[in-house]
Each structure stands twice: as structure tokens, then as C-alpha cells.
Protein backbone atom coordinates (compact mmCIF):
# COMPACT_ATOMS: atom_id res chain seq x y z
CA MET A 1 11.27 313.23 -11.82
CA TRP A 2 12.25 316.51 -14.01
CA LYS A 3 9.33 316.16 -16.35
CA GLU A 4 6.61 315.81 -13.61
CA ALA A 5 8.16 318.59 -11.62
CA ARG A 6 7.63 321.04 -14.73
CA VAL A 7 3.68 319.74 -15.22
CA GLY A 8 1.12 322.04 -13.26
CA LYS A 9 -2.02 320.73 -11.87
CA ASP A 10 -4.06 320.87 -14.81
CA GLY A 11 -1.61 318.46 -16.50
CA THR A 12 -0.15 321.03 -19.01
CA VAL A 13 3.76 321.73 -19.18
CA ARG A 14 4.88 325.09 -18.51
CA ASP A 15 5.67 327.09 -21.84
CA ASP A 16 9.03 327.88 -20.92
CA VAL A 17 10.16 324.58 -20.78
CA GLN A 18 7.82 322.92 -23.40
CA HIS A 19 10.73 322.55 -26.39
CA ILE A 20 12.72 320.91 -23.95
CA TYR A 21 9.83 318.46 -22.62
CA ASP A 22 9.01 317.91 -26.28
CA GLU A 23 12.97 317.09 -26.96
CA CYS A 24 13.30 314.48 -24.04
CA GLU A 25 9.99 312.72 -25.28
CA THR A 26 11.64 312.54 -28.77
CA LEU A 27 15.15 311.60 -27.82
CA SER A 28 13.64 308.48 -25.50
CA GLN A 29 11.84 307.18 -28.50
CA SER A 30 14.75 307.83 -30.96
CA ILE A 31 18.03 307.47 -28.91
CA SER A 32 19.90 304.48 -30.06
CA THR A 33 21.81 301.57 -28.24
CA ALA A 34 25.24 303.41 -29.33
CA GLU A 35 24.50 306.76 -28.22
CA ASP A 36 22.82 304.99 -24.54
CA GLN A 37 26.30 303.75 -24.11
CA GLU A 38 27.72 307.13 -23.72
CA ASN A 39 26.37 307.27 -20.28
CA ARG A 40 24.44 310.32 -20.89
CA SER A 41 21.03 310.60 -19.41
CA VAL A 42 17.75 311.88 -21.92
CA LEU A 43 17.67 315.24 -20.00
CA SER A 44 21.45 316.02 -20.43
CA ARG A 45 21.21 315.42 -24.29
CA ALA A 46 18.11 317.77 -24.32
CA LEU A 47 19.53 320.40 -22.29
CA ASN A 48 22.81 320.18 -24.12
CA VAL A 49 24.93 320.27 -21.09
CA PRO A 50 27.77 317.67 -19.67
CA GLU A 51 27.34 315.23 -17.12
CA TYR A 52 28.97 315.97 -13.92
CA PRO A 53 30.28 313.53 -11.81
CA GLY A 54 29.01 312.91 -8.21
CA ARG A 55 25.45 314.45 -9.01
CA VAL A 56 22.13 312.77 -9.88
CA ARG A 57 20.11 315.06 -12.15
CA GLY A 58 16.73 315.09 -11.78
CA LYS A 59 16.70 313.60 -8.16
CA GLY A 60 16.35 317.11 -6.69
CA HIS A 61 19.27 319.23 -4.89
CA GLY A 62 22.13 317.57 -2.67
CA CYS A 63 21.22 313.92 -4.19
CA THR A 64 24.51 312.07 -4.59
CA PRO A 65 24.89 308.46 -6.19
CA THR A 66 26.06 307.20 -2.61
CA SER A 67 22.89 308.15 -0.94
CA LEU A 68 20.76 307.09 -3.94
CA TYR A 69 22.26 303.75 -4.46
CA LYS A 70 23.34 302.98 -0.89
CA ASN A 71 26.89 301.81 -2.21
CA PRO A 72 28.48 300.54 1.27
CA ARG A 73 31.88 302.35 1.84
CA ARG A 74 35.03 300.05 1.98
CA ARG A 75 37.09 300.56 5.45
CA ASN A 76 40.38 300.98 5.25
CA PRO A 77 42.43 298.56 7.25
CA SER A 78 43.62 300.09 10.59
CA ASN A 79 47.42 300.08 11.45
CA GLN A 80 47.24 297.12 13.70
CA GLU A 81 45.44 295.06 11.14
CA VAL A 82 48.08 296.10 8.35
CA MET A 83 50.91 294.92 10.84
CA GLU A 84 49.38 291.77 11.71
CA THR A 85 48.94 291.10 8.45
CA LEU A 86 52.49 291.99 7.44
CA GLN A 87 54.02 289.93 10.65
CA ALA A 88 52.18 286.69 9.48
CA LEU A 89 53.38 287.26 5.93
CA GLN A 90 57.04 287.71 7.31
CA ALA A 91 56.46 284.37 9.53
CA GLN A 92 55.61 282.66 6.34
CA VAL A 93 58.31 283.61 4.11
CA LEU A 94 60.61 282.63 7.17
CA GLN A 95 59.33 279.40 7.40
CA LEU A 96 59.59 279.04 3.78
CA GLN A 97 63.24 280.03 3.56
CA LYS A 98 63.74 277.64 6.45
CA ASP A 99 61.93 274.53 4.60
CA ASN A 100 63.90 275.83 1.51
CA GLU A 101 67.41 275.66 4.02
CA ARG A 102 66.41 272.10 5.14
CA TYR A 103 65.54 270.88 1.66
CA ARG A 104 68.89 271.87 0.08
CA CYS A 105 70.65 269.93 2.96
CA MET A 106 68.81 266.89 2.62
CA GLU A 107 69.56 266.99 -1.26
CA LYS A 108 73.06 267.50 -0.40
CA CYS A 109 73.79 265.14 1.89
CA SER A 110 71.73 262.73 -0.02
CA SER A 111 74.34 263.32 -3.07
CA GLN A 112 77.03 263.13 -0.82
CA LEU A 113 76.44 259.81 0.41
CA LYS A 114 75.40 258.38 -3.18
CA GLU A 115 78.96 259.70 -4.56
CA THR A 116 80.62 258.42 -1.55
CA SER A 117 79.17 255.12 -2.26
CA GLU A 118 79.69 254.95 -5.82
CA LYS A 119 83.45 255.98 -5.43
CA ALA A 120 83.50 253.08 -2.61
CA SER A 121 82.37 250.31 -4.92
CA ILE A 122 85.12 250.95 -7.31
CA ASN A 123 88.26 249.31 -7.01
CA CYS A 124 87.67 247.95 -3.87
CA GLN A 125 90.27 245.06 -3.48
CA ASN A 126 92.78 247.47 -2.20
CA LYS A 127 90.63 248.05 0.58
CA PHE A 128 90.14 244.54 2.06
CA PRO A 129 92.60 242.24 2.88
CA GLU A 130 93.45 238.61 0.78
CA GLY A 131 91.02 235.94 1.95
CA ILE A 132 87.54 235.77 2.84
CA SER A 133 86.78 238.81 5.25
CA SER A 134 83.44 240.09 7.13
CA CYS A 135 81.74 242.93 5.30
CA GLN A 136 78.35 245.57 5.51
CA LEU A 137 76.54 245.79 2.52
CA TYR A 138 74.94 249.31 1.84
CA LEU A 139 72.72 250.57 -0.90
CA SER A 140 72.73 254.65 -1.92
CA SER A 141 69.43 254.32 -3.82
CA PRO A 142 66.83 255.29 -3.32
CA THR A 143 68.29 256.07 0.10
CA TYR A 144 71.62 255.45 1.72
CA ARG A 145 71.24 252.56 4.02
CA LEU A 146 72.31 249.40 5.61
CA VAL A 147 71.16 246.30 4.10
CA GLY A 148 72.85 243.14 4.77
CA LYS A 149 75.74 241.63 6.52
CA GLY A 150 77.95 238.84 4.59
CA LYS A 151 81.35 237.96 3.56
CA VAL A 152 83.34 239.22 0.73
CA HIS A 153 86.13 237.02 -1.46
CA ASN A 154 89.23 238.40 -2.37
CA THR A 155 90.83 235.73 -3.61
CA SER A 156 92.55 235.15 -6.57
CA GLY A 157 91.04 233.06 -9.76
CA ASP A 158 87.18 233.45 -8.38
CA LEU A 159 84.25 232.60 -10.81
CA LEU A 160 80.66 233.61 -10.54
CA HIS A 161 78.36 231.49 -12.25
CA HIS A 162 81.48 229.81 -13.96
CA ARG A 163 82.92 232.62 -15.46
CA PRO A 164 85.64 235.31 -14.17
CA LEU A 165 85.11 238.21 -12.36
CA PRO A 166 85.89 241.48 -14.35
CA ASP A 167 88.42 244.02 -13.39
CA GLY A 168 87.32 246.03 -10.00
CA HIS A 169 85.09 243.55 -9.14
CA LEU A 170 84.72 241.23 -5.51
CA LYS A 171 82.55 238.44 -4.95
CA VAL A 172 80.28 238.89 -2.03
CA SER A 173 78.25 236.45 0.03
CA VAL A 174 75.11 237.67 1.93
CA ASP A 175 74.90 236.18 5.25
CA VAL A 176 72.32 238.19 7.11
CA VAL A 177 69.45 240.51 5.23
CA LEU A 178 68.49 243.74 7.16
CA ASP A 179 66.43 245.18 5.03
CA LYS A 180 63.39 242.68 3.02
CA ASP A 181 63.05 245.62 0.35
CA ALA A 182 66.54 245.33 -1.00
CA LEU A 183 65.70 241.82 -2.36
CA HIS A 184 62.69 242.82 -4.71
CA GLY A 185 64.96 244.24 -7.46
CA PRO A 186 68.47 243.12 -8.71
CA TRP A 187 71.53 244.62 -7.00
CA ILE A 188 73.48 245.14 -9.96
CA SER A 189 70.96 248.26 -10.54
CA PHE A 190 72.01 250.08 -7.49
CA SER A 191 75.07 251.80 -6.03
CA LEU A 192 76.57 249.00 -3.87
CA MET A 193 79.06 250.04 -1.11
CA MET A 194 81.04 247.45 1.15
CA ARG A 195 82.58 248.09 4.30
CA TYR A 196 85.43 245.63 5.68
CA THR A 197 84.52 244.56 9.20
CA PRO A 198 87.74 243.40 11.18
CA THR A 199 87.73 239.82 12.62
CA LYS A 200 87.06 239.99 16.74
CA PRO A 201 86.96 237.12 19.14
CA ALA A 202 83.56 235.67 19.40
CA SER A 203 83.22 236.92 23.53
CA LYS A 204 83.84 240.09 22.27
CA ASP A 205 82.03 240.78 19.37
CA LYS A 206 78.53 242.13 19.67
CA GLY A 207 77.88 241.99 15.93
CA ILE A 208 74.99 244.55 14.54
CA LEU A 209 72.13 245.34 16.74
CA ARG A 210 69.30 243.10 17.09
CA HIS A 211 66.61 245.63 16.28
CA ASN A 212 68.60 246.22 12.59
CA GLU A 213 68.75 242.56 11.76
CA SER A 214 66.42 240.50 9.36
CA VAL A 215 62.89 239.65 10.87
CA ALA A 216 63.84 235.94 10.75
CA SER A 217 66.64 236.52 13.34
CA GLN A 218 64.70 238.83 15.21
CA LYS A 219 61.53 235.65 15.81
CA GLU A 220 64.12 233.63 16.72
CA VAL A 221 65.40 236.09 19.88
CA PHE A 222 61.70 236.48 20.57
CA ALA A 223 61.50 232.93 20.71
CA GLN A 224 63.71 232.46 23.33
CA GLY A 225 62.68 235.36 25.60
CA SER A 226 59.08 234.76 25.47
CA GLN A 227 58.67 233.53 29.32
CA GLN A 228 60.90 236.67 30.75
CA LEU A 229 58.50 238.87 28.19
CA SER A 230 55.45 237.70 29.61
CA GLN A 231 56.93 238.06 33.33
CA LYS A 232 57.20 241.74 32.28
CA ILE A 233 53.72 242.07 30.86
CA GLY A 234 52.39 240.85 34.41
CA SER A 235 54.24 243.62 36.48
CA ARG A 236 53.31 246.29 34.02
CA GLN A 237 49.69 245.35 34.87
CA LYS A 238 49.75 245.71 38.18
CA ASN A 239 51.50 249.17 38.17
CA LYS A 240 49.65 250.36 35.49
CA ARG A 241 47.49 252.95 37.27
CA ASP A 242 51.09 254.62 38.63
CA LEU A 243 51.96 255.79 35.44
CA PRO A 244 54.88 253.73 34.79
CA VAL A 245 57.25 254.20 32.22
CA THR A 246 57.48 251.27 29.87
CA TYR A 247 60.74 248.93 30.54
CA LEU A 248 63.51 249.55 28.44
CA PRO A 249 66.89 247.42 28.03
CA LYS A 250 70.07 249.51 27.53
CA LYS A 251 70.48 250.91 24.16
CA GLY A 252 72.79 248.59 22.57
CA ALA A 253 70.43 245.49 23.79
CA PHE A 254 67.03 246.75 23.07
CA VAL A 255 65.11 244.39 20.98
CA PRO A 256 61.34 245.36 19.65
CA ARG A 257 59.73 241.90 21.14
CA TYR A 258 56.42 243.13 20.71
CA GLN A 259 56.68 244.79 17.42
CA ILE A 260 57.97 241.56 16.42
CA SER A 261 55.65 239.68 17.94
CA LEU A 262 52.77 241.68 16.66
CA GLU A 263 54.33 241.13 13.05
CA THR A 264 54.22 237.35 13.13
CA LEU A 265 50.45 237.39 14.12
CA VAL A 266 49.49 239.80 11.29
CA ASP A 267 51.53 237.48 8.81
CA SER A 268 49.96 234.58 10.29
CA SER A 269 46.31 236.05 10.18
CA ASP A 270 43.97 237.32 7.55
CA MET A 271 45.49 240.79 8.28
CA ALA A 272 48.50 239.56 5.91
CA THR A 273 45.97 240.07 2.95
CA ALA A 274 45.69 243.69 1.32
CA GLY A 275 42.38 245.85 2.47
CA ALA A 276 41.91 243.64 5.68
CA ILE A 277 40.79 245.76 8.85
CA ARG A 278 40.01 245.29 12.19
CA LEU A 279 37.60 247.49 14.13
CA LEU A 280 38.25 249.07 17.54
CA ASP A 281 35.14 250.50 19.39
CA MET A 282 35.90 254.18 21.31
CA GLU A 283 34.03 254.79 24.50
CA GLU A 284 31.98 258.43 24.57
CA ASP A 285 34.27 259.29 27.38
CA ILE A 286 37.13 259.33 24.88
CA PHE A 287 36.02 262.37 22.40
CA GLY A 288 32.58 262.96 23.98
CA TYR A 289 31.07 260.40 21.30
CA SER A 290 30.72 256.87 20.54
CA CYS A 291 32.31 255.59 17.29
CA THR A 292 34.41 253.17 16.00
CA GLU A 293 37.93 253.30 14.76
CA THR A 294 39.45 251.27 11.69
CA ILE A 295 42.95 249.73 11.57
CA GLY A 296 43.82 248.25 8.43
CA LYS A 297 46.84 246.35 7.36
CA GLU A 298 48.61 249.51 5.95
CA ASP A 299 48.62 251.29 9.49
CA LEU A 300 50.32 248.52 10.99
CA GLU A 301 52.84 248.52 8.31
CA HIS A 302 53.81 252.16 9.20
CA ILE A 303 54.44 251.12 12.59
CA PHE A 304 56.63 248.06 11.99
CA ARG A 305 58.37 250.31 9.14
CA HIS A 306 58.79 253.39 10.86
CA GLN A 307 57.03 255.69 8.48
CA GLU A 308 54.21 258.49 8.41
CA LEU A 309 51.39 257.51 10.51
CA GLY A 310 47.50 258.04 10.46
CA VAL A 311 44.71 258.99 12.52
CA GLY A 312 43.79 255.54 13.31
CA VAL A 313 47.22 254.89 14.92
CA ILE A 314 46.82 257.94 16.53
CA HIS A 315 43.46 257.38 17.99
CA THR A 316 44.47 254.06 19.01
CA TYR A 317 47.20 255.48 20.96
CA ILE A 318 44.63 257.96 22.89
CA ARG A 319 42.81 254.79 23.58
CA PHE A 320 45.72 253.26 24.98
CA LEU A 321 46.00 256.41 27.19
CA TYR A 322 42.58 256.12 28.37
CA ASP A 323 42.77 252.52 29.36
CA ASN A 324 46.18 252.61 31.16
CA PHE A 325 46.55 255.72 32.53
CA MET A 326 42.88 257.55 32.84
CA ARG A 327 40.87 254.65 33.20
CA GLY A 328 39.37 254.21 37.28
CA ASN A 329 41.58 257.40 37.96
CA ASP A 330 39.01 259.96 38.45
CA GLN A 331 41.85 262.74 38.97
CA LEU A 332 43.37 262.11 35.97
CA SER A 333 40.18 261.14 33.81
CA ASN A 334 38.76 264.65 35.03
CA ARG A 335 41.53 266.83 34.06
CA PHE A 336 42.51 265.53 30.96
CA ARG A 337 40.41 265.42 27.50
CA PHE A 338 40.79 264.54 24.05
CA VAL A 339 39.70 266.11 20.73
CA SER A 340 38.42 264.00 17.74
CA SER A 341 41.21 264.14 14.83
CA SER A 342 38.80 262.80 12.54
CA LEU A 343 35.99 265.43 13.03
CA VAL A 344 38.45 268.41 13.26
CA ASN A 345 41.31 268.78 11.02
CA LYS A 346 42.58 270.89 8.24
CA ALA A 347 40.02 269.22 5.24
CA LEU A 348 36.76 269.68 7.89
CA ILE A 349 37.89 273.16 8.86
CA CYS A 350 37.99 274.33 5.07
CA ARG A 351 34.99 272.86 4.20
CA GLU A 352 32.64 272.44 7.03
CA PRO A 353 33.96 275.15 9.91
CA ASP A 354 30.44 275.39 11.63
CA SER A 355 30.49 271.72 12.12
CA CYS A 356 33.94 271.56 13.76
CA ARG A 357 33.31 274.69 15.88
CA GLU A 358 30.12 273.21 17.02
CA TYR A 359 31.81 269.99 18.24
CA LEU A 360 34.52 271.89 19.82
CA VAL A 361 32.36 274.11 21.80
CA LYS A 362 30.22 271.19 22.73
CA ARG A 363 33.25 269.19 23.89
CA PHE A 364 34.07 272.33 26.24
CA MET A 365 30.78 272.45 27.51
CA ALA A 366 31.32 268.87 29.02
CA SER A 367 34.12 270.22 31.37
CA SER A 368 32.82 271.21 34.99
CA THR A 369 36.43 272.10 36.57
CA ASN A 370 39.60 272.84 34.91
CA ASN A 371 40.68 270.84 31.83
CA LEU A 372 43.08 270.48 29.28
CA TYR A 373 42.13 269.38 25.95
CA LEU A 374 44.87 267.32 23.98
CA TRP A 375 44.10 267.76 20.05
CA PRO A 376 46.57 266.14 17.87
CA TYR A 377 46.17 268.53 14.79
CA ASN A 378 46.44 267.26 11.18
CA SER A 379 47.46 270.04 9.06
CA GLY A 380 47.12 267.76 5.73
CA CYS A 381 50.70 266.36 5.80
CA HIS A 382 51.90 267.13 9.33
CA TRP A 383 50.79 266.74 12.70
CA LEU A 384 51.17 268.69 15.47
CA LEU A 385 49.70 268.89 19.28
CA LEU A 386 47.28 271.68 20.93
CA ALA A 387 46.62 271.73 24.54
CA ILE A 388 43.71 273.77 25.09
CA ASP A 389 42.41 275.37 28.45
CA PRO A 390 39.18 276.52 27.56
CA LEU A 391 38.51 278.13 30.84
CA LYS A 392 41.87 279.99 31.21
CA GLU A 393 41.21 280.83 27.41
CA VAL A 394 44.96 279.18 27.25
CA VAL A 395 46.05 276.99 24.10
CA TYR A 396 49.48 275.41 24.07
CA PHE A 397 51.21 275.01 20.65
CA LEU A 398 53.34 271.82 20.63
CA ASN A 399 54.90 271.78 17.12
CA SER A 400 58.17 269.41 16.38
CA ILE A 401 59.12 271.17 13.31
CA ASP A 402 59.47 274.49 15.13
CA GLY A 403 56.52 276.27 13.03
CA GLU A 404 54.46 279.33 14.30
CA TRP A 405 50.89 278.89 14.66
CA THR A 406 50.83 282.01 12.27
CA ASN A 407 51.26 279.45 9.84
CA TYR A 408 47.83 277.92 10.53
CA PRO A 409 45.40 280.56 10.24
CA ASP A 410 42.35 278.45 9.70
CA MET A 411 42.90 276.43 12.74
CA LYS A 412 44.09 279.60 14.89
CA GLN A 413 40.69 281.21 14.28
CA LEU A 414 38.45 278.04 14.92
CA VAL A 415 40.12 277.79 18.18
CA ASP A 416 39.68 281.40 18.96
CA THR A 417 36.17 281.52 17.85
CA SER A 418 35.09 278.60 19.79
CA ILE A 419 36.78 279.61 23.07
CA LYS A 420 34.61 282.85 22.64
CA VAL A 421 31.51 280.98 21.92
CA PHE A 422 32.17 278.90 24.54
CA ARG A 423 32.80 282.01 27.06
CA SER A 424 29.32 283.61 26.00
CA GLN A 425 27.19 280.26 26.45
CA ARG A 426 28.38 279.77 30.11
CA GLN A 427 28.12 283.84 30.47
CA ALA A 428 31.45 284.57 31.69
CA ARG A 429 32.19 288.19 32.31
CA VAL A 430 35.53 289.50 30.81
CA PRO A 431 36.67 292.55 30.84
CA ARG A 432 36.16 294.63 27.34
CA THR A 433 40.07 295.02 26.83
CA LYS A 434 41.00 291.10 27.22
CA SER A 435 37.40 290.08 25.48
CA SER A 436 39.53 288.96 22.38
CA ASN A 437 42.81 288.14 24.47
CA ILE A 438 42.97 284.38 23.95
CA THR A 439 46.56 283.52 25.26
CA TRP A 440 48.61 281.33 22.60
CA ILE A 441 51.94 280.03 24.05
CA LYS A 442 54.62 278.21 21.96
CA VAL A 443 56.14 275.16 24.05
CA GLN A 444 59.74 274.90 23.29
CA CYS A 445 59.44 271.16 22.88
CA PRO A 446 61.82 268.21 21.17
CA LEU A 447 62.30 268.86 17.69
CA GLN A 448 62.00 266.22 14.90
CA ARG A 449 65.00 265.38 12.72
CA ASN A 450 63.15 264.25 9.31
CA GLY A 451 60.16 264.44 7.72
CA ILE A 452 58.40 261.35 9.10
CA ASP A 453 58.47 261.13 13.05
CA CYS A 454 55.91 264.05 13.47
CA GLY A 455 52.82 261.50 14.54
CA TYR A 456 55.16 259.48 16.83
CA PHE A 457 56.62 262.98 18.65
CA VAL A 458 52.70 263.84 19.39
CA MET A 459 51.70 260.90 20.67
CA ARG A 460 54.90 261.06 23.15
CA PHE A 461 53.95 264.65 23.77
CA MET A 462 50.33 263.00 25.14
CA ARG A 463 51.78 260.60 27.14
CA GLU A 464 54.45 262.88 28.85
CA ILE A 465 51.74 265.40 29.44
CA ILE A 466 49.47 262.75 31.41
CA ASN A 467 52.60 261.22 33.27
CA MET A 468 53.44 264.69 34.69
CA ASN A 469 49.34 265.26 35.79
CA GLN A 470 49.67 268.64 35.24
CA ILE A 471 47.29 271.30 33.38
CA GLU A 472 49.84 274.21 33.01
CA ILE A 473 52.96 272.88 30.31
CA PRO A 474 56.08 274.97 30.93
CA ILE A 475 57.15 276.98 28.34
CA THR A 476 60.62 275.27 28.14
CA TYR A 477 58.72 271.94 28.64
CA PHE A 478 59.09 269.80 31.40
CA ASP A 479 62.47 269.10 33.28
CA GLU A 480 62.06 265.17 33.29
CA TYR A 481 61.41 265.13 29.45
CA LYS A 482 63.44 268.27 28.44
CA CYS A 483 66.07 267.27 25.49
CA ALA A 484 66.43 268.95 21.71
CA HIS A 485 65.52 265.94 20.07
CA TYR A 486 63.96 262.41 20.61
CA THR A 487 66.31 259.64 19.90
CA ARG A 488 65.26 256.54 18.30
CA LEU A 489 64.98 254.72 21.28
CA GLN A 490 62.29 257.09 22.90
CA LEU A 491 60.07 256.58 19.64
CA GLU A 492 60.17 252.95 19.80
CA GLN A 493 58.82 252.80 23.33
CA ILE A 494 55.86 254.43 21.60
CA LYS A 495 55.79 251.61 19.09
CA GLU A 496 56.34 249.23 21.95
CA GLU A 497 53.31 250.09 23.87
CA LEU A 498 51.34 250.29 20.71
CA CYS A 499 52.12 246.68 19.22
CA GLN A 500 51.75 245.38 22.67
CA TYR A 501 48.17 246.93 23.19
CA PHE A 502 47.36 245.49 20.05
CA ILE A 503 48.30 242.05 21.43
CA GLU A 504 46.47 242.52 24.39
CA LYS A 505 43.06 243.56 22.98
CA ARG A 506 43.71 240.63 20.80
CA LEU A 507 43.08 242.73 17.69
CA ILE A 508 45.12 240.61 15.70
CA SER A 509 44.25 236.69 16.29
CA ILE A 510 45.43 233.64 13.98
């Protein structure tokens, strides 16, 4: 640019800059690579002047690197954005502190139980009366639990395999096995704790709860009460549209009959083999598309052993809610809808956010009146429930571990974006001040006390919301179901309904 500006119309260079022009030509041909790395132009070398920052030599007056190369300026975040980021980080730190404290408490309790059981297994003759007495057997590893019921022989001269017992040891016979897994390994490798059970008259002795007994003894109870059980099934079928609460006996007498029956069917069918599956058809009205849900033996084992649940069990319970409460009931079927956890979850949100958003928007567009969409969300290692009212733009957040929605930024961003797209597609007019004001409400729902009950809590949340037949969920939860924690009996109710549904649908047959 500098050289062209100093060439006349006749193509000759002006005399006063001829030597600089020649120097530029010479430098452009002879400059080395090392010298070129000094970031000095050929013109600045010919003029023997330094480069000035912020200016572009040879490009005319007022030309700057920004205007020439059009580098975008970085916008500094606003104070509001900085505060939001700070609050999100503070919430994450607080949640990490709570989790750390919870884990420390669990480790402390576990170590105390282990220490107690180890001490109780030494010199235990003094704690048992002479003769043969009833006792309960506990194991401290890997978890402290009751594994059996038997008798302790505190008599002199007892032999075990024709050998006298060493000092500090007693002979124990096992009558009832409560934990079948405890039989897989040698008990001598565990710390065994025995508890003395005083003898009571037979009429007053309740023994241990039937749901804690071995599977064999439970099957006997189920066989004896099969006729009474069939009568209860018939009464439930007649009144299922009235949103009944599943029949439950008193706490001390509760027997998980359907679980025992289903486990018997599984053991007697091809589902007893590893890798066996069953297919459950999901109608289009449930998730907005027809699909087939796969139920494996592992899913059933999770129910029987009260372990963490997978998406197959959660979707099966949604099908149970649809068949027993919503099918044939226009009010409920038009008011409540479900979102598939298979199409929208943590992994898919990170990998395919566009497809997740399209599915949610399509699901919202299918509603003609006020609907509440129940979405069991899996964050990878935890289940929580979102109840979304897209027309009112309200999201109810039900988390059984007392966490905040700010701990799930990907999920929140997906929901907010989907509601905004839904708003634009239905051409809703919203004031500018409220265009980004989507209401999130944290419901004070019952909280779990361990790390495996989240799936059972989510299923019970959905059941209670449909049972109350209300789109608006109170912040303090429903008065009829308000409590600090669900009891084990309340969770067993959900498992009983699941097992009964498997039996009635004939998903497991011999």
C-alpha cells in the first residue's frame, strides 16, 4: 500500500522516496526467517523506525488492527451473571459439604457397628444362660444385618466335629436363615454377633417379622393365605378407578405376598437363567410414542432385594399407573402425562440435546388444556421427579435427597429452553419482563435416609400426585401424604403393586 501510493501515473517512483523504495525491495528479497520473527514489517526496517502498537502501517490514517482484522470484542459478564454464577458455585459447594458429612456419618456408624459386633463375639459365655437358649445371628461385613435365628449351646463339654471348642467360643445351631447370601461364604471369615432372646410363652411369642424370614418360610405363609389373597385381588379390581390405596395389613403382620409369589414364579420359569428378558408394550398415549420396554431378571432381583432401580422398573410402574388409574378416566388421562426417561436423561442431554428438546416440545404441543407432565429424571446415579406445567410455565422439583435444581444445570437449561420454544410455537404473548421468568418450585417432599431408595420415592411421588388429582403441588407437599421420611412399609406398598402387576399381566409364567 505504501509503495503503490508513491508511484506516479507514469509508473515512476518519486525521487524523494526512491531510496526507501529500493530498500524495501532489497529487504523483501533478502530478509531471513529469524529476522522475520521479530514482528517488524519491511517498511519499518527500511525507514528504521519502531512499530507502534495499535496502528497498522501502510493502511492509511486511522486504521487499527481491530477494524482491519475485525476481531470480536469479549463482552464482560454483567453483575447479575456474576452473582448467578457465584450462587450456583456456592450451592454446589454446600451440597458437596452435605454429601461429605453424610458419608462420614455413615462410615462412623458402620465402624461403630463393626466394633460392637466384634466385641460381642468374644467371651460371650457370660451373656448367655447355661443350657440351650434362643439367639439371633448378625453379620458385620459387608454390612451390619440380621442373617439368621437359632440356638446357642452354652453347655460344658460340647464338641464340634469331634473336637472340643476353644476358649471364648460357643456352639450355635441355625434354625431359620434370613439372608441367603450369608450362606455363600464361610461364616468364620466374618465377625459374628449373637443376641440372646429370652424364652416366652408360645401364645405371646411373635418371633421375628415374616418379611424378615427366609424365602422358604414365606412361601408357606403365602400358600396358606392364597384364597384370602385372591379375594383381595378381586375387590381391588372392582374399585381401581376410585384411586384406592393398596390394602396393607398392620405393620407387625405385613407379609409381601405378591413379592413372594412373583419370586416363586421367577424361580420356576426361564427367567431364573441369566440374560432372560420379558417385553412390555407401551402404548402411544403413555409417552407420546409406542415402544417396547425390556424387563430383565436383574430388574426383578432389584425389586426383591430392595436395590437401586433401573429405567425398566420405573416405566413398568408408569404403565401400572396408566392402566389402573388413568385408562378409561378422561379427567385423569387428560390432566396427567408422562415423559420417557429413555429419551431424556443425563447421558442423552449431554450427547444429543437437540433431540431431547424436540421430544419435550412435541410432548408439550400434544396438550390442549392444562396438563402436568411427570418426568422421572435420572442424573446418572440418582432419580428425581419433575412435574412440568408448560402452559403456566411452572416446574415442580421433587428431590428425595434435599438437593437444589442448580445442581443439575443441563437438565434445567433443557427444560427452560423447551418451554420457551413451546411458547413461541403456540404464539403465546408474554411481557418482555416475564419472557425468561420460568417458575421453578422446590417441593418439600419426604426425604430418603439411604442411597438406594430414590427410585421407590419417585414412583410413590407419581402415585400420590395422580391420587390427589391436582395439577398444582403445594410447596410443603400434600397434607394427606406429608411426612419427613417414607417408612419401609410405604415403600413395600409400591413394590407389592409392581409385583401384582407383573402377575396380573402374566409377564412371568411357568
